[in-house]
Amino acid sequence: YNGRLPCWLAPIQVRVLSFTSRNEKYAKQIIKKLGEEIPNLRLDADFQDRPIPGKVKEAELMRVPYIITIGDKEEKTKSLAIRNHGKVKFGVKIDKFIRNLASEIKNRK
């Protein structure tokens, strides 16, 4: 796997990043919802006050399967920007992401 373990096996399955401190509240809501909907999900967050490219690079070096970035645009539209193995999807609805992630973990894809 070259360090890129499948999501169901990865030590950290999801990492949530915030662009600025004003996006932290929405990011915490996302974390809470993910934790409630997928009870055994291994997730963490990075709310440090530093540039987002550095946060993303660190998460990619750690080989985190799903990196969720929360900025003003995502907060306004109540959506997510999700990075999975270098590919970015914008405008993903939280409920759709939870369904797909739960299915992926359950079916061990």
N, C-alpha and C. Protein backbone atom coordinates (compact mmCIF):
# COMPACT_ATOMS: atom_id res chain seq x y z
N TYR A 1 0.80 -1.20 0.00
CA TYR A 1 0.00 0.00 0.00
C TYR A 1 0.84 1.27 0.00
N ASN A 2 2.15 1.12 0.18
CA ASN A 2 3.07 2.26 0.20
C ASN A 2 2.66 3.28 1.26
N GLY A 3 2.21 2.78 2.42
CA GLY A 3 1.82 3.65 3.51
C GLY A 3 0.39 4.16 3.43
N ARG A 4 -0.26 4.01 2.28
CA ARG A 4 -1.65 4.47 2.13
C ARG A 4 -2.59 3.31 2.41
N LEU A 5 -2.87 3.13 3.69
CA LEU A 5 -3.75 2.04 4.10
C LEU A 5 -5.19 2.34 3.70
N PRO A 6 -5.99 1.28 3.49
CA PRO A 6 -7.40 1.52 3.23
C PRO A 6 -8.02 2.25 4.41
N CYS A 7 -9.07 2.97 4.17
CA CYS A 7 -9.68 3.80 5.21
C CYS A 7 -10.04 2.98 6.45
N TRP A 8 -10.59 1.80 6.28
CA TRP A 8 -11.03 1.01 7.43
C TRP A 8 -9.86 0.56 8.31
N LEU A 9 -8.64 0.59 7.78
CA LEU A 9 -7.47 0.12 8.51
C LEU A 9 -6.58 1.26 9.00
N ALA A 10 -6.73 2.44 8.46
CA ALA A 10 -5.85 3.57 8.79
C ALA A 10 -5.99 3.98 10.26
N PRO A 11 -4.87 4.35 10.91
CA PRO A 11 -4.93 4.77 12.31
C PRO A 11 -5.78 6.03 12.50
N ILE A 12 -5.68 6.98 11.59
CA ILE A 12 -6.54 8.17 11.58
C ILE A 12 -7.28 8.13 10.25
N GLN A 13 -8.60 8.05 10.31
CA GLN A 13 -9.39 7.91 9.09
C GLN A 13 -9.78 9.26 8.49
N VAL A 14 -10.02 10.25 9.35
CA VAL A 14 -10.46 11.57 8.89
C VAL A 14 -9.75 12.63 9.71
N ARG A 15 -9.27 13.67 9.04
CA ARG A 15 -8.71 14.83 9.73
C ARG A 15 -9.47 16.06 9.24
N VAL A 16 -9.92 16.88 10.19
CA VAL A 16 -10.66 18.10 9.88
C VAL A 16 -9.74 19.29 10.10
N LEU A 17 -9.63 20.15 9.07
CA LEU A 17 -8.79 21.33 9.13
C LEU A 17 -9.65 22.58 8.99
N SER A 18 -9.30 23.63 9.73
CA SER A 18 -10.02 24.89 9.59
C SER A 18 -9.09 25.93 8.98
N PHE A 19 -9.64 26.76 8.09
CA PHE A 19 -8.84 27.83 7.48
C PHE A 19 -8.44 28.86 8.52
N THR A 20 -9.41 29.32 9.29
CA THR A 20 -9.15 30.36 10.29
C THR A 20 -9.89 30.00 11.58
N SER A 21 -9.64 30.78 12.61
CA SER A 21 -10.30 30.51 13.89
C SER A 21 -11.81 30.76 13.81
N ARG A 22 -12.26 31.59 12.88
CA ARG A 22 -13.70 31.83 12.79
C ARG A 22 -14.45 30.63 12.20
N ASN A 23 -13.74 29.70 11.57
CA ASN A 23 -14.36 28.49 11.02
C ASN A 23 -14.34 27.33 12.01
N GLU A 24 -13.75 27.55 13.16
CA GLU A 24 -13.58 26.48 14.13
C GLU A 24 -14.91 25.93 14.65
N LYS A 25 -15.88 26.80 14.88
CA LYS A 25 -17.17 26.37 15.42
C LYS A 25 -17.86 25.40 14.46
N TYR A 26 -17.90 25.74 13.17
CA TYR A 26 -18.53 24.85 12.18
C TYR A 26 -17.74 23.54 12.07
N ALA A 27 -16.42 23.63 12.12
CA ALA A 27 -15.59 22.42 12.04
C ALA A 27 -15.88 21.49 13.22
N LYS A 28 -16.08 22.06 14.40
CA LYS A 28 -16.40 21.24 15.58
C LYS A 28 -17.77 20.59 15.44
N GLN A 29 -18.71 21.29 14.79
CA GLN A 29 -20.02 20.69 14.52
C GLN A 29 -19.89 19.49 13.60
N ILE A 30 -19.03 19.62 12.60
CA ILE A 30 -18.78 18.51 11.66
C ILE A 30 -18.19 17.32 12.41
N ILE A 31 -17.21 17.58 13.26
CA ILE A 31 -16.58 16.51 14.04
C ILE A 31 -17.61 15.81 14.92
N LYS A 32 -18.46 16.59 15.57
CA LYS A 32 -19.48 16.02 16.44
C LYS A 32 -20.44 15.13 15.65
N LYS A 33 -20.88 15.63 14.50
CA LYS A 33 -21.82 14.86 13.67
C LYS A 33 -21.17 13.57 13.16
N LEU A 34 -19.92 13.66 12.71
CA LEU A 34 -19.22 12.45 12.25
C LEU A 34 -19.10 11.44 13.38
N GLY A 35 -18.75 11.90 14.57
CA GLY A 35 -18.60 11.01 15.73
C GLY A 35 -19.90 10.35 16.14
N GLU A 36 -21.00 11.09 16.02
CA GLU A 36 -22.31 10.54 16.39
C GLU A 36 -22.80 9.52 15.35
N GLU A 37 -22.60 9.82 14.07
CA GLU A 37 -23.11 8.97 13.00
C GLU A 37 -22.27 7.71 12.79
N ILE A 38 -20.95 7.83 13.00
CA ILE A 38 -20.04 6.68 12.84
C ILE A 38 -19.28 6.54 14.16
N PRO A 39 -19.83 5.76 15.11
CA PRO A 39 -19.30 5.72 16.47
C PRO A 39 -17.81 5.39 16.62
N ASN A 40 -17.28 4.47 15.89
CA ASN A 40 -15.88 4.06 16.06
C ASN A 40 -14.92 4.74 15.10
N LEU A 41 -15.36 5.83 14.50
CA LEU A 41 -14.52 6.56 13.55
C LEU A 41 -13.32 7.17 14.25
N ARG A 42 -12.15 6.97 13.66
CA ARG A 42 -10.92 7.54 14.22
C ARG A 42 -10.65 8.85 13.48
N LEU A 43 -10.90 9.96 14.18
CA LEU A 43 -10.72 11.25 13.54
C LEU A 43 -10.00 12.20 14.48
N ASP A 44 -9.38 13.20 13.89
CA ASP A 44 -8.76 14.26 14.67
C ASP A 44 -8.90 15.57 13.92
N ALA A 45 -8.39 16.63 14.52
CA ALA A 45 -8.55 17.96 13.93
C ALA A 45 -7.27 18.76 14.10
N ASP A 46 -7.11 19.76 13.24
CA ASP A 46 -5.99 20.69 13.32
C ASP A 46 -6.56 22.10 13.22
N PHE A 47 -6.65 22.78 14.38
CA PHE A 47 -7.18 24.14 14.42
C PHE A 47 -6.06 25.14 14.69
N GLN A 48 -4.82 24.74 14.50
CA GLN A 48 -3.70 25.64 14.75
C GLN A 48 -3.77 26.85 13.81
N ASP A 49 -3.22 27.94 14.28
CA ASP A 49 -3.22 29.17 13.49
C ASP A 49 -1.99 29.20 12.59
N ARG A 50 -2.08 28.48 11.48
CA ARG A 50 -1.00 28.44 10.49
C ARG A 50 -1.61 28.22 9.12
N PRO A 51 -0.84 28.44 8.06
CA PRO A 51 -1.40 28.33 6.69
C PRO A 51 -1.93 26.93 6.38
N ILE A 52 -3.02 26.90 5.64
CA ILE A 52 -3.70 25.64 5.30
C ILE A 52 -2.82 24.70 4.47
N PRO A 53 -1.98 25.19 3.53
CA PRO A 53 -1.15 24.24 2.78
C PRO A 53 -0.24 23.41 3.68
N GLY A 54 0.25 24.00 4.76
CA GLY A 54 1.09 23.26 5.70
C GLY A 54 0.31 22.19 6.43
N LYS A 55 -0.93 22.52 6.80
CA LYS A 55 -1.78 21.54 7.48
C LYS A 55 -2.10 20.37 6.56
N VAL A 56 -2.42 20.68 5.31
CA VAL A 56 -2.75 19.64 4.34
C VAL A 56 -1.53 18.76 4.08
N LYS A 57 -0.37 19.37 3.91
CA LYS A 57 0.84 18.61 3.65
C LYS A 57 1.15 17.65 4.80
N GLU A 58 1.00 18.14 6.03
CA GLU A 58 1.25 17.30 7.19
C GLU A 58 0.30 16.10 7.21
N ALA A 59 -0.97 16.34 6.94
CA ALA A 59 -1.95 15.26 6.91
C ALA A 59 -1.66 14.27 5.79
N GLU A 60 -1.22 14.76 4.64
CA GLU A 60 -0.89 13.87 3.53
C GLU A 60 0.36 13.04 3.85
N LEU A 61 1.33 13.64 4.52
CA LEU A 61 2.51 12.88 4.92
C LEU A 61 2.16 11.79 5.93
N MET A 62 1.14 12.04 6.73
CA MET A 62 0.66 11.05 7.70
C MET A 62 -0.23 10.01 7.02
N ARG A 63 -0.51 10.22 5.72
CA ARG A 63 -1.32 9.31 4.92
C ARG A 63 -2.75 9.16 5.45
N VAL A 64 -3.32 10.28 5.90
CA VAL A 64 -4.72 10.29 6.35
C VAL A 64 -5.60 10.14 5.12
N PRO A 65 -6.50 9.14 5.08
CA PRO A 65 -7.32 8.91 3.87
C PRO A 65 -8.23 10.08 3.49
N TYR A 66 -8.90 10.70 4.47
CA TYR A 66 -9.81 11.79 4.16
C TYR A 66 -9.41 13.03 4.95
N ILE A 67 -9.16 14.12 4.21
CA ILE A 67 -8.82 15.41 4.82
C ILE A 67 -9.96 16.36 4.48
N ILE A 68 -10.65 16.83 5.51
CA ILE A 68 -11.76 17.76 5.32
C ILE A 68 -11.29 19.16 5.65
N THR A 69 -11.45 20.07 4.72
CA THR A 69 -11.05 21.46 4.91
C THR A 69 -12.30 22.32 5.03
N ILE A 70 -12.35 23.12 6.10
CA ILE A 70 -13.50 23.98 6.36
C ILE A 70 -13.05 25.44 6.28
N GLY A 71 -13.65 26.16 5.35
CA GLY A 71 -13.39 27.59 5.20
C GLY A 71 -14.70 28.35 5.17
N ASP A 72 -14.63 29.62 4.85
CA ASP A 72 -15.84 30.45 4.82
C ASP A 72 -16.86 29.93 3.81
N LYS A 73 -16.39 29.51 2.64
CA LYS A 73 -17.29 29.04 1.59
C LYS A 73 -18.05 27.78 2.04
N GLU A 74 -17.32 26.86 2.67
CA GLU A 74 -17.95 25.62 3.13
C GLU A 74 -18.95 25.91 4.25
N GLU A 75 -18.58 26.82 5.12
CA GLU A 75 -19.47 27.18 6.23
C GLU A 75 -20.75 27.83 5.70
N LYS A 76 -20.61 28.70 4.73
CA LYS A 76 -21.77 29.40 4.16
C LYS A 76 -22.72 28.43 3.45
N THR A 77 -22.17 27.49 2.68
CA THR A 77 -22.99 26.54 1.92
C THR A 77 -23.31 25.26 2.70
N LYS A 78 -22.81 25.16 3.93
CA LYS A 78 -23.00 23.96 4.77
C LYS A 78 -22.56 22.70 4.02
N SER A 79 -21.36 22.78 3.47
CA SER A 79 -20.81 21.65 2.72
C SER A 79 -19.37 21.41 3.17
N LEU A 80 -18.70 20.48 2.50
CA LEU A 80 -17.33 20.11 2.85
C LEU A 80 -16.45 20.16 1.61
N ALA A 81 -15.17 20.43 1.84
CA ALA A 81 -14.16 20.26 0.79
C ALA A 81 -13.33 19.05 1.26
N ILE A 82 -13.36 17.98 0.48
CA ILE A 82 -12.75 16.72 0.90
C ILE A 82 -11.60 16.37 -0.03
N ARG A 83 -10.47 16.05 0.57
CA ARG A 83 -9.29 15.60 -0.16
C ARG A 83 -9.08 14.13 0.16
N ASN A 84 -9.04 13.31 -0.89
CA ASN A 84 -8.84 11.88 -0.74
C ASN A 84 -7.76 11.45 -1.71
N HIS A 85 -6.61 11.07 -1.20
CA HIS A 85 -5.47 10.63 -2.02
C HIS A 85 -5.11 11.66 -3.09
N GLY A 86 -5.09 12.94 -2.71
CA GLY A 86 -4.67 14.00 -3.61
C GLY A 86 -5.76 14.57 -4.49
N LYS A 87 -6.93 13.92 -4.52
CA LYS A 87 -8.04 14.44 -5.32
C LYS A 87 -8.98 15.23 -4.42
N VAL A 88 -9.38 16.41 -4.89
CA VAL A 88 -10.22 17.29 -4.07
C VAL A 88 -11.62 17.37 -4.66
N LYS A 89 -12.63 17.27 -3.77
CA LYS A 89 -14.03 17.45 -4.16
C LYS A 89 -14.59 18.58 -3.31
N PHE A 90 -15.20 19.55 -3.97
CA PHE A 90 -15.80 20.69 -3.28
C PHE A 90 -17.32 20.54 -3.25
N GLY A 91 -17.93 21.14 -2.25
CA GLY A 91 -19.39 21.18 -2.19
C GLY A 91 -20.05 19.86 -1.83
N VAL A 92 -19.34 18.98 -1.14
CA VAL A 92 -19.90 17.69 -0.75
C VAL A 92 -20.78 17.89 0.48
N LYS A 93 -22.00 17.39 0.43
CA LYS A 93 -22.91 17.50 1.57
C LYS A 93 -22.50 16.51 2.65
N ILE A 94 -22.62 16.93 3.90
CA ILE A 94 -22.16 16.14 5.04
C ILE A 94 -22.87 14.78 5.11
N ASP A 95 -24.17 14.74 4.88
CA ASP A 95 -24.91 13.48 4.97
C ASP A 95 -24.45 12.48 3.92
N LYS A 96 -24.20 12.96 2.72
CA LYS A 96 -23.72 12.08 1.64
C LYS A 96 -22.33 11.54 1.99
N PHE A 97 -21.46 12.39 2.52
CA PHE A 97 -20.11 11.95 2.90
C PHE A 97 -20.18 10.90 4.00
N ILE A 98 -21.06 11.11 4.98
CA ILE A 98 -21.19 10.15 6.08
C ILE A 98 -21.67 8.80 5.56
N ARG A 99 -22.66 8.80 4.68
CA ARG A 99 -23.16 7.53 4.11
C ARG A 99 -22.05 6.79 3.37
N ASN A 100 -21.31 7.52 2.52
CA ASN A 100 -20.24 6.90 1.73
C ASN A 100 -19.12 6.37 2.62
N LEU A 101 -18.73 7.17 3.62
CA LEU A 101 -17.65 6.77 4.51
C LEU A 101 -18.05 5.56 5.35
N ALA A 102 -19.26 5.57 5.90
CA ALA A 102 -19.74 4.43 6.70
C ALA A 102 -19.78 3.16 5.86
N SER A 103 -20.24 3.29 4.63
CA SER A 103 -20.28 2.13 3.72
C SER A 103 -18.88 1.63 3.41
N GLU A 104 -17.96 2.54 3.14
CA GLU A 104 -16.59 2.15 2.82
C GLU A 104 -15.93 1.42 3.99
N ILE A 105 -16.16 1.89 5.21
CA ILE A 105 -15.57 1.26 6.38
C ILE A 105 -16.23 -0.09 6.65
N LYS A 106 -17.56 -0.13 6.56
CA LYS A 106 -18.30 -1.37 6.83
C LYS A 106 -17.95 -2.47 5.84
N ASN A 107 -17.86 -2.12 4.57
CA ASN A 107 -17.58 -3.10 3.53
C ASN A 107 -16.09 -3.34 3.31
N ARG A 108 -15.27 -2.63 4.06
CA ARG A 108 -13.81 -2.76 3.97
C ARG A 108 -13.29 -2.62 2.55
N LYS A 109 -13.67 -1.53 1.92
CA LYS A 109 -13.24 -1.27 0.53
C LYS A 109 -11.90 -0.61 0.54
